[in-house]
Structure formats: structure tokens, C-alpha cells
């Protein structure tokens, strides 16, 4: 121990004469200085280690936050897609419901119209059955009856038209299976095959939809 003190005093004498003197007079100061130096080094090492640990913890926390952010973004995308699909489905349901309501308004009277068609058929047959040569002033009762039937038939057709119900009298037109029902096919001279030569019963359409097909006779090849 004395030898160490002497070496230290010899090293410090030219630059620090007072410290050399104190070491010479009190060897314990050397031990205190050495301990303080060691303590300072330990503190620096601890601080460095603590900083490294903090960096590692910060990196780990940043990684966890990045992963959590990615998960949240994926969840947000999934929820957004579901929300958009729900909106699209709701809009489709709304449009279908609106279409059904509109169709109900347009075609809700079709059963009633079908019943009235029978009345119109009877009126038409009644007017057709009256002999035209008998309609004259000498037969005022028959003439008045005939004119009343005609006026009633005209009026009922006006009511039909007002509510979108139109007659189908397709004589000479091309046969259409969506609007006509063929009762027979027969060759007819001077008639084009596939055309309608005879209408046995008038058809009707309600707002463009066939309510009752016309009963027709169709020309075929000879």
C-alpha cells in the first residue's frame, strides 16, 4: 500500500503539489478517490445500460403500436365495407318496395277490370245482334235501344282508356303469342302467313300488360 501511495505521489507531484502533499499526509484519500472513480464509471455504465433498455422498450412499443394501427385500419375497412353493403341492400329493398307499390297502384284494379270486360263483351254482342236494316224511324223503340247500347259501349271504352285499359283488335297484324291466343290456323288466299285473319274475341291490355289475349285465327301456308 505504501508503494502504491509513493507511485501516485510521484506522478502527481509536478502538476498537483497540494494533492501530493495531502496524499503524503493522508493515504486514505487515495482510496476515497479510487472509489469515487469506480462509482462514476459504474454510474455511467448503469446510465448507458438504462438508455439501451429504454431504446429497446421504445422500439418494442413502437412495433406494438404499428401492429395495433394495422389491425384497427383493417377493422375499419371491414366495417366500412359492411356499412356500404348494408346501404346498397337497403337501397335495393327501397327500390323494390317502391316498384311493388307502383305496380299495386297500376294493376290493383285488374281483377275488377276483368269482370267489367265481360260487361263490355255483352254490350258489343248486343249492338252487333241488332239488324242494321231495322234501325229506322219506323222502329223508334229499337232505334232508341240501339243508340243507347252504342252510347253505353262508347262510354265504357272511355272509362277503360282513362284507367289504362285498351282494346286489342289485331286484324291483319302479325301474330304475337304475348298478346294473342290462336284458336286455329288455316290457309287463306291473299293473306300473308303468320298474320291474323279473324278476331273471335277482343283482347285488352292494362298499362301495357296483356290482361286478356285476343282470341284469333291465324293464316298458315297453303
C-alpha atoms as a PDB file:
ATOM      1  CA  UNK A   1       0.000   0.000   0.000  1.00  0.00           C
ATOM      2  CA  UNK A   2       2.871   2.369   0.827  1.00  0.00           C
ATOM      3  CA  UNK A   3       4.486   1.623  -2.511  1.00  0.00           C
ATOM      4  CA  UNK A   4       1.226   2.497  -4.377  1.00  0.00           C
ATOM      5  CA  UNK A   5       0.990   5.756  -2.494  1.00  0.00           C
ATOM      6  CA  UNK A   6       4.524   6.638  -3.361  1.00  0.00           C
ATOM      7  CA  UNK A   7       3.904   5.994  -7.075  1.00  0.00           C
ATOM      8  CA  UNK A   8       0.803   8.145  -7.064  1.00  0.00           C
ATOM      9  CA  UNK A   9       2.631  10.947  -5.205  1.00  0.00           C
ATOM     10  CA  UNK A  10       5.485  10.795  -7.644  1.00  0.00           C
ATOM     11  CA  UNK A  11       3.053  11.047 -10.611  1.00  0.00           C
ATOM     12  CA  UNK A  12       1.087  13.899  -9.154  1.00  0.00           C
ATOM     13  CA  UNK A  13       3.931  15.927  -7.555  1.00  0.00           C
ATOM     14  CA  UNK A  14       4.903  18.041 -10.634  1.00  0.00           C
ATOM     15  CA  UNK A  15       1.260  19.004 -11.536  1.00  0.00           C
ATOM     16  CA  UNK A  16      -0.595  18.831  -8.243  1.00  0.00           C
ATOM     17  CA  UNK A  17       1.791  19.546  -5.361  1.00  0.00           C
ATOM     18  CA  UNK A  18      -1.037  20.107  -2.893  1.00  0.00           C
ATOM     19  CA  UNK A  19      -2.686  16.802  -3.752  1.00  0.00           C
ATOM     20  CA  UNK A  20       0.679  15.085  -3.485  1.00  0.00           C
ATOM     21  CA  UNK A  21       1.118  16.648  -0.118  1.00  0.00           C
ATOM     22  CA  UNK A  22      -2.280  15.551   1.049  1.00  0.00           C
ATOM     23  CA  UNK A  23      -1.697  12.025  -0.148  1.00  0.00           C
ATOM     24  CA  UNK A  24       1.571  12.015   1.652  1.00  0.00           C
ATOM     25  CA  UNK A  25      -0.035  13.170   4.833  1.00  0.00           C
ATOM     26  CA  UNK A  26      -3.324  11.109   4.397  1.00  0.00           C
ATOM     27  CA  UNK A  27      -3.121   7.834   2.359  1.00  0.00           C
ATOM     28  CA  UNK A  28      -6.848   7.180   2.851  1.00  0.00           C
ATOM     29  CA  UNK A  29      -7.714   9.967   0.374  1.00  0.00           C
ATOM     30  CA  UNK A  30      -6.354   7.771  -2.380  1.00  0.00           C
ATOM     31  CA  UNK A  31      -8.792   5.043  -1.562  1.00  0.00           C
ATOM     32  CA  UNK A  32     -11.684   7.533  -1.496  1.00  0.00           C
ATOM     33  CA  UNK A  33     -10.695   8.964  -4.900  1.00  0.00           C
ATOM     34  CA  UNK A  34     -10.370   5.495  -6.338  1.00  0.00           C
ATOM     35  CA  UNK A  35     -13.806   4.521  -5.008  1.00  0.00           C
ATOM     36  CA  UNK A  36     -15.381   7.704  -6.413  1.00  0.00           C
ATOM     37  CA  UNK A  37     -13.832   6.995  -9.795  1.00  0.00           C
ATOM     38  CA  UNK A  38     -15.133   3.472  -9.767  1.00  0.00           C
ATOM     39  CA  UNK A  39     -18.525   4.733  -8.662  1.00  0.00           C
ATOM     40  CA  UNK A  40     -18.602   7.253 -11.527  1.00  0.00           C
ATOM     41  CA  UNK A  41     -17.740   4.544 -14.015  1.00  0.00           C
ATOM     42  CA  UNK A  42     -20.477   2.326 -12.614  1.00  0.00           C
ATOM     43  CA  UNK A  43     -22.975   5.175 -12.892  1.00  0.00           C
ATOM     44  CA  UNK A  44     -22.023   5.781 -16.491  1.00  0.00           C
ATOM     45  CA  UNK A  45     -22.387   2.075 -17.258  1.00  0.00           C
ATOM     46  CA  UNK A  46     -25.742   1.981 -15.499  1.00  0.00           C
ATOM     47  CA  UNK A  47     -26.923   5.045 -17.411  1.00  0.00           C
ATOM     48  CA  UNK A  48     -25.736   3.543 -20.697  1.00  0.00           C
ATOM     49  CA  UNK A  49     -27.473   0.269 -19.926  1.00  0.00           C
ATOM     50  CA  UNK A  50     -30.626   2.134 -18.885  1.00  0.00           C
ATOM     51  CA  UNK A  51     -30.595   4.109 -22.130  1.00  0.00           C
ATOM     52  CA  UNK A  52     -30.158   0.910 -24.142  1.00  0.00           C
ATOM     53  CA  UNK A  53     -33.061  -0.683 -22.286  1.00  0.00           C
ATOM     54  CA  UNK A  54     -35.193   2.399 -22.905  1.00  0.00           C
ATOM     55  CA  UNK A  55     -34.365   2.254 -26.614  1.00  0.00           C
ATOM     56  CA  UNK A  56     -35.310  -1.425 -26.735  1.00  0.00           C
ATOM     57  CA  UNK A  57     -38.560  -0.737 -24.878  1.00  0.00           C
ATOM     58  CA  UNK A  58     -39.313   2.222 -27.172  1.00  0.00           C
ATOM     59  CA  UNK A  59     -38.690   0.072 -30.254  1.00  0.00           C
ATOM     60  CA  UNK A  60     -40.909  -2.692 -28.889  1.00  0.00           C
ATOM     61  CA  UNK A  61     -43.663  -0.213 -28.022  1.00  0.00           C
ATOM     62  CA  UNK A  62     -43.452   1.348 -31.477  1.00  0.00           C
ATOM     63  CA  UNK A  63     -43.723  -2.078 -33.082  1.00  0.00           C
ATOM     64  CA  UNK A  64     -46.769  -2.914 -30.955  1.00  0.00           C
ATOM     65  CA  UNK A  65     -48.404   0.419 -31.864  1.00  0.00           C
ATOM     66  CA  UNK A  66     -47.715  -0.189 -35.557  1.00  0.00           C
ATOM     67  CA  UNK A  67     -49.297  -3.643 -35.370  1.00  0.00           C
ATOM     68  CA  UNK A  68     -52.270  -2.266 -33.440  1.00  0.00           C
ATOM     69  CA  UNK A  69     -52.691   0.505 -36.009  1.00  0.00           C
ATOM     70  CA  UNK A  70     -52.673  -2.056 -38.841  1.00  0.00           C
ATOM     71  CA  UNK A  71     -55.329  -4.128 -37.036  1.00  0.00           C
ATOM     72  CA  UNK A  72     -57.516  -1.079 -36.433  1.00  0.00           C
ATOM     73  CA  UNK A  73     -57.199   0.009 -40.062  1.00  0.00           C
ATOM     74  CA  UNK A  74     -58.206  -3.482 -41.209  1.00  0.00           C
ATOM     75  CA  UNK A  75     -61.199  -3.460 -38.848  1.00  0.00           C
ATOM     76  CA  UNK A  76     -62.198  -0.008 -40.089  1.00  0.00           C
ATOM     77  CA  UNK A  77     -62.011  -1.190 -43.695  1.00  0.00           C
ATOM     78  CA  UNK A  78     -64.131  -4.247 -42.897  1.00  0.00           C
ATOM     79  CA  UNK A  79     -66.751  -2.155 -41.053  1.00  0.00           C
ATOM     80  CA  UNK A  80     -66.805   0.380 -43.902  1.00  0.00           C
ATOM     81  CA  UNK A  81     -67.370  -2.381 -46.470  1.00  0.00           C
ATOM     82  CA  UNK A  82     -70.185  -3.875 -44.395  1.00  0.00           C
ATOM     83  CA  UNK A  83     -71.749  -0.433 -43.994  1.00  0.00           C
ATOM     84  CA  UNK A  84     -71.634   0.203 -47.748  1.00  0.00           C
ATOM     85  CA  UNK A  85     -73.148  -3.224 -48.472  1.00  0.00           C
ATOM     86  CA  UNK A  86     -75.890  -2.569 -45.921  1.00  0.00           C
ATOM     87  CA  UNK A  87     -76.646   0.774 -47.582  1.00  0.00           C
ATOM     88  CA  UNK A  88     -76.771  -0.885 -51.020  1.00  0.00           C
ATOM     89  CA  UNK A  89     -79.091  -3.629 -49.733  1.00  0.00           C
ATOM     90  CA  UNK A  90     -81.345  -1.061 -48.089  1.00  0.00           C
ATOM     91  CA  UNK A  91     -81.492   0.955 -51.319  1.00  0.00           C
ATOM     92  CA  UNK A  92     -82.363  -2.189 -53.315  1.00  0.00           C
ATOM     93  CA  UNK A  93     -85.121  -3.046 -50.856  1.00  0.00           C
ATOM     94  CA  UNK A  94     -86.438   0.518 -51.051  1.00  0.00           C
ATOM     95  CA  UNK A  95     -86.484   0.449 -54.851  1.00  0.00           C
ATOM     96  CA  UNK A  96     -88.183  -2.963 -54.950  1.00  0.00           C
ATOM     97  CA  UNK A  97     -90.766  -1.818 -52.425  1.00  0.00           C
ATOM     98  CA  UNK A  98     -91.402   1.358 -54.381  1.00  0.00           C
ATOM     99  CA  UNK A  99     -91.794  -0.666 -57.586  1.00  0.00           C
ATOM    100  CA  UNK A 100     -94.237  -3.027 -55.880  1.00  0.00           C
ATOM    101  CA  UNK A 101     -96.253  -0.088 -54.579  1.00  0.00           C
ATOM    102  CA  UNK A 102     -96.370   1.489 -58.035  1.00  0.00           C
ATOM    103  CA  UNK A 103     -97.378  -1.812 -59.639  1.00  0.00           C
ATOM    104  CA  UNK A 104    -100.043  -2.282 -56.986  1.00  0.00           C
ATOM    105  CA  UNK A 105    -101.442   1.147 -57.874  1.00  0.00           C
ATOM    106  CA  UNK A 106    -101.401   0.356 -61.589  1.00  0.00           C
ATOM    107  CA  UNK A 107    -102.522  -3.260 -61.577  1.00  0.00           C
ATOM    108  CA  UNK A 108    -104.507  -3.447 -58.360  1.00  0.00           C
ATOM    109  CA  UNK A 109    -107.717  -2.992 -60.379  1.00  0.00           C
ATOM    110  CA  UNK A 110    -107.020  -5.770 -62.879  1.00  0.00           C
ATOM    111  CA  UNK A 111    -109.445  -8.223 -61.246  1.00  0.00           C
ATOM    112  CA  UNK A 112    -112.155  -5.575 -61.337  1.00  0.00           C
ATOM    113  CA  UNK A 113    -111.289  -4.785 -64.951  1.00  0.00           C
ATOM    114  CA  UNK A 114    -111.561  -8.438 -65.939  1.00  0.00           C
ATOM    115  CA  UNK A 115    -115.074  -8.536 -64.538  1.00  0.00           C
ATOM    116  CA  UNK A 116    -116.006  -5.384 -66.450  1.00  0.00           C
ATOM    117  CA  UNK A 117    -114.675  -6.887 -69.679  1.00  0.00           C
ATOM    118  CA  UNK A 118    -117.494  -9.385 -69.588  1.00  0.00           C
ATOM    119  CA  UNK A 119    -119.958  -6.481 -69.477  1.00  0.00           C
ATOM    120  CA  UNK A 120    -118.206  -4.828 -72.409  1.00  0.00           C
ATOM    121  CA  UNK A 121    -118.372  -8.106 -74.363  1.00  0.00           C
ATOM    122  CA  UNK A 122    -122.105  -8.362 -73.751  1.00  0.00           C
ATOM    123  CA  UNK A 123    -122.667  -4.776 -74.913  1.00  0.00           C
ATOM    124  CA  UNK A 124    -120.627  -5.432 -78.051  1.00  0.00           C
ATOM    125  CA  UNK A 125    -122.583  -8.596 -78.853  1.00  0.00           C
ATOM    126  CA  UNK A 126    -125.860  -6.790 -78.195  1.00  0.00           C
ATOM    127  CA  UNK A 127    -125.076  -3.977 -80.643  1.00  0.00           C
ATOM    128  CA  UNK A 128    -123.840  -6.437 -83.260  1.00  0.00           C
ATOM    129  CA  UNK A 129    -127.009  -8.539 -82.985  1.00  0.00           C
ATOM    130  CA  UNK A 130    -129.325  -5.679 -83.896  1.00  0.00           C
ATOM    131  CA  UNK A 131    -130.174  -5.828 -87.630  1.00  0.00           C
ATOM    132  CA  UNK A 132    -128.961  -2.616 -89.234  1.00  0.00           C
ATOM    133  CA  UNK A 133    -131.863  -2.539 -91.687  1.00  0.00           C
ATOM    134  CA  UNK A 134    -134.334  -2.462 -88.805  1.00  0.00           C
ATOM    135  CA  UNK A 135    -132.801   0.667 -87.305  1.00  0.00           C
ATOM    136  CA  UNK A 136    -135.062   3.338 -88.778  1.00  0.00           C
ATOM    137  CA  UNK A 137    -137.630   5.842 -87.779  1.00  0.00           C
ATOM    138  CA  UNK A 138    -140.433   3.329 -88.264  1.00  0.00           C
ATOM    139  CA  UNK A 139    -138.985   1.390 -85.297  1.00  0.00           C
ATOM    140  CA  UNK A 140    -138.342   4.185 -82.776  1.00  0.00           C
ATOM    141  CA  UNK A 141    -138.096   1.836 -79.798  1.00  0.00           C
ATOM    142  CA  UNK A 142    -135.487  -0.392 -81.456  1.00  0.00           C
ATOM    143  CA  UNK A 143    -133.598   2.642 -82.722  1.00  0.00           C
ATOM    144  CA  UNK A 144    -133.515   4.227 -79.273  1.00  0.00           C
ATOM    145  CA  UNK A 145    -132.422   0.944 -77.704  1.00  0.00           C
ATOM    146  CA  UNK A 146    -129.636   0.523 -80.242  1.00  0.00           C
ATOM    147  CA  UNK A 147    -128.411   4.087 -79.826  1.00  0.00           C
ATOM    148  CA  UNK A 148    -128.431   3.645 -76.046  1.00  0.00           C
ATOM    149  CA  UNK A 149    -126.346   0.488 -76.336  1.00  0.00           C
ATOM    150  CA  UNK A 150    -123.854   2.216 -78.619  1.00  0.00           C
ATOM    151  CA  UNK A 151    -123.552   5.207 -76.285  1.00  0.00           C
ATOM    152  CA  UNK A 152    -123.041   2.881 -73.301  1.00  0.00           C
ATOM    153  CA  UNK A 153    -120.353   0.958 -75.153  1.00  0.00           C
ATOM    154  CA  UNK A 154    -118.570   4.187 -76.142  1.00  0.00           C
ATOM    155  CA  UNK A 155    -118.715   5.474 -72.585  1.00  0.00           C
ATOM    156  CA  UNK A 156    -117.361   2.286 -71.053  1.00  0.00           C
ATOM    157  CA  UNK A 157    -114.444   2.329 -73.503  1.00  0.00           C
ATOM    158  CA  UNK A 158    -113.703   5.902 -72.422  1.00  0.00           C
ATOM    159  CA  UNK A 159    -113.624   4.746 -68.798  1.00  0.00           C
ATOM    160  CA  UNK A 160    -111.352   1.857 -69.744  1.00  0.00           C
ATOM    161  CA  UNK A 161    -108.977   4.193 -71.563  1.00  0.00           C
ATOM    162  CA  UNK A 162    -108.933   6.607 -68.637  1.00  0.00           C
ATOM    163  CA  UNK A 163    -107.663   3.823 -66.384  1.00  0.00           C
ATOM    164  CA  UNK A 164    -105.116   2.459 -68.886  1.00  0.00           C
ATOM    165  CA  UNK A 165    -107.235  -0.376 -70.264  1.00  0.00           C
ATOM    166  CA  UNK A 166    -107.032  -0.576 -74.075  1.00  0.00           C
ATOM    167  CA  UNK A 167    -108.644  -2.832 -76.681  1.00  0.00           C
ATOM    168  CA  UNK A 168    -106.717  -5.323 -78.797  1.00  0.00           C
ATOM    169  CA  UNK A 169    -108.321  -5.830 -82.208  1.00  0.00           C
ATOM    170  CA  UNK A 170    -105.347  -7.129 -84.202  1.00  0.00           C
ATOM    171  CA  UNK A 171    -106.916  -7.986 -87.575  1.00  0.00           C
ATOM    172  CA  UNK A 172    -104.163  -8.030 -90.212  1.00  0.00           C
ATOM    173  CA  UNK A 173    -101.360  -7.759 -87.624  1.00  0.00           C
ATOM    174  CA  UNK A 174     -98.583 -10.278 -87.067  1.00  0.00           C
ATOM    175  CA  UNK A 175     -99.368 -12.981 -84.557  1.00  0.00           C
ATOM    176  CA  UNK A 176     -97.823 -12.248 -81.142  1.00  0.00           C
ATOM    177  CA  UNK A 177     -98.084 -15.064 -78.561  1.00  0.00           C
ATOM    178  CA  UNK A 178     -97.823 -12.484 -75.746  1.00  0.00           C
ATOM    179  CA  UNK A 179    -100.926 -10.629 -76.937  1.00  0.00           C
ATOM    180  CA  UNK A 180    -102.875 -13.170 -78.966  1.00  0.00           C
ATOM    181  CA  UNK A 181    -104.217 -16.671 -78.488  1.00  0.00           C
ATOM    182  CA  UNK A 182    -104.594 -18.726 -81.666  1.00  0.00           C
ATOM    183  CA  UNK A 183    -107.855 -20.640 -81.931  1.00  0.00           C
ATOM    184  CA  UNK A 184    -106.973 -22.143 -85.298  1.00  0.00           C
ATOM    185  CA  UNK A 185    -104.533 -21.944 -88.226  1.00  0.00           C
ATOM    186  CA  UNK A 186    -105.880 -22.046 -91.741  1.00  0.00           C
ATOM    187  CA  UNK A 187    -104.604 -21.195 -95.246  1.00  0.00           C
ATOM    188  CA  UNK A 188    -106.263 -18.163 -96.760  1.00  0.00           C
ATOM    189  CA  UNK A 189    -105.756 -16.935-100.263  1.00  0.00           C
ATOM    190  CA  UNK A 190    -104.331 -13.435-100.489  1.00  0.00           C
ATOM    191  CA  UNK A 191    -103.284 -13.416 -96.844  1.00  0.00           C
ATOM    192  CA  UNK A 192     -99.700 -13.464 -95.637  1.00  0.00           C
ATOM    193  CA  UNK A 193     -98.856 -16.499 -93.467  1.00  0.00           C
ATOM    194  CA  UNK A 194     -98.459 -15.643 -89.777  1.00  0.00           C
ATOM    195  CA  UNK A 195    -100.932 -12.762 -89.888  1.00  0.00           C
ATOM    196  CA  UNK A 196    -104.284 -12.637 -88.090  1.00  0.00           C
ATOM    197  CA  UNK A 197    -107.269 -13.080 -90.351  1.00  0.00           C
ATOM    198  CA  UNK A 198    -110.065 -13.311 -87.791  1.00  0.00           C
ATOM    199  CA  UNK A 199    -110.654 -11.991 -84.258  1.00  0.00           C
ATOM    200  CA  UNK A 200    -113.134 -14.117 -82.362  1.00  0.00           C
ATOM    201  CA  UNK A 201    -112.851 -12.177 -79.114  1.00  0.00           C
ATOM    202  CA  UNK A 202    -111.345  -8.749 -78.468  1.00  0.00           C
ATOM    203  CA  UNK A 203    -108.321  -8.634 -76.178  1.00  0.00           C
ATOM    204  CA  UNK A 204    -107.288  -5.978 -73.666  1.00  0.00           C
ATOM    205  CA  UNK A 205    -104.054  -4.574 -72.214  1.00  0.00           C
ATOM    206  CA  UNK A 206    -103.775  -2.814 -68.842  1.00  0.00           C
ATOM    207  CA  UNK A 207    -100.932  -0.256 -68.766  1.00  0.00           C
ATOM    208  CA  UNK A 208     -99.064  -2.152 -71.444  1.00  0.00           C
ATOM    209  CA  UNK A 209     -99.537  -5.561 -69.799  1.00  0.00           C
ATOM    210  CA  UNK A 210    -101.780  -8.081 -71.524  1.00  0.00           C
ATOM    211  CA  UNK A 211    -104.835  -8.502 -69.340  1.00  0.00           C
ATOM    212  CA  UNK A 212    -106.710 -10.740 -71.743  1.00  0.00           C
ATOM    213  CA  UNK A 213    -105.258 -12.034 -75.020  1.00  0.00           C
ATOM    214  CA  UNK A 214    -107.299 -11.664 -78.168  1.00  0.00           C
ATOM    215  CA  UNK A 215    -108.719 -14.929 -79.492  1.00  0.00           C
ATOM    216  CA  UNK A 216    -107.714 -15.062 -83.152  1.00  0.00           C
ATOM    217  CA  UNK A 217    -107.453 -17.189 -86.275  1.00  0.00           C
ATOM    218  CA  UNK A 218    -104.005 -17.211 -87.905  1.00  0.00           C
ATOM    219  CA  UNK A 219    -103.147 -17.647 -91.568  1.00  0.00           C
ATOM    220  CA  UNK A 220    -100.803 -20.503 -92.384  1.00  0.00           C
ATOM    221  CA  UNK A 221     -99.030 -21.678 -95.538  1.00  0.00           C
ATOM    222  CA  UNK A 222    -101.233 -23.497 -98.049  1.00  0.00           C
END
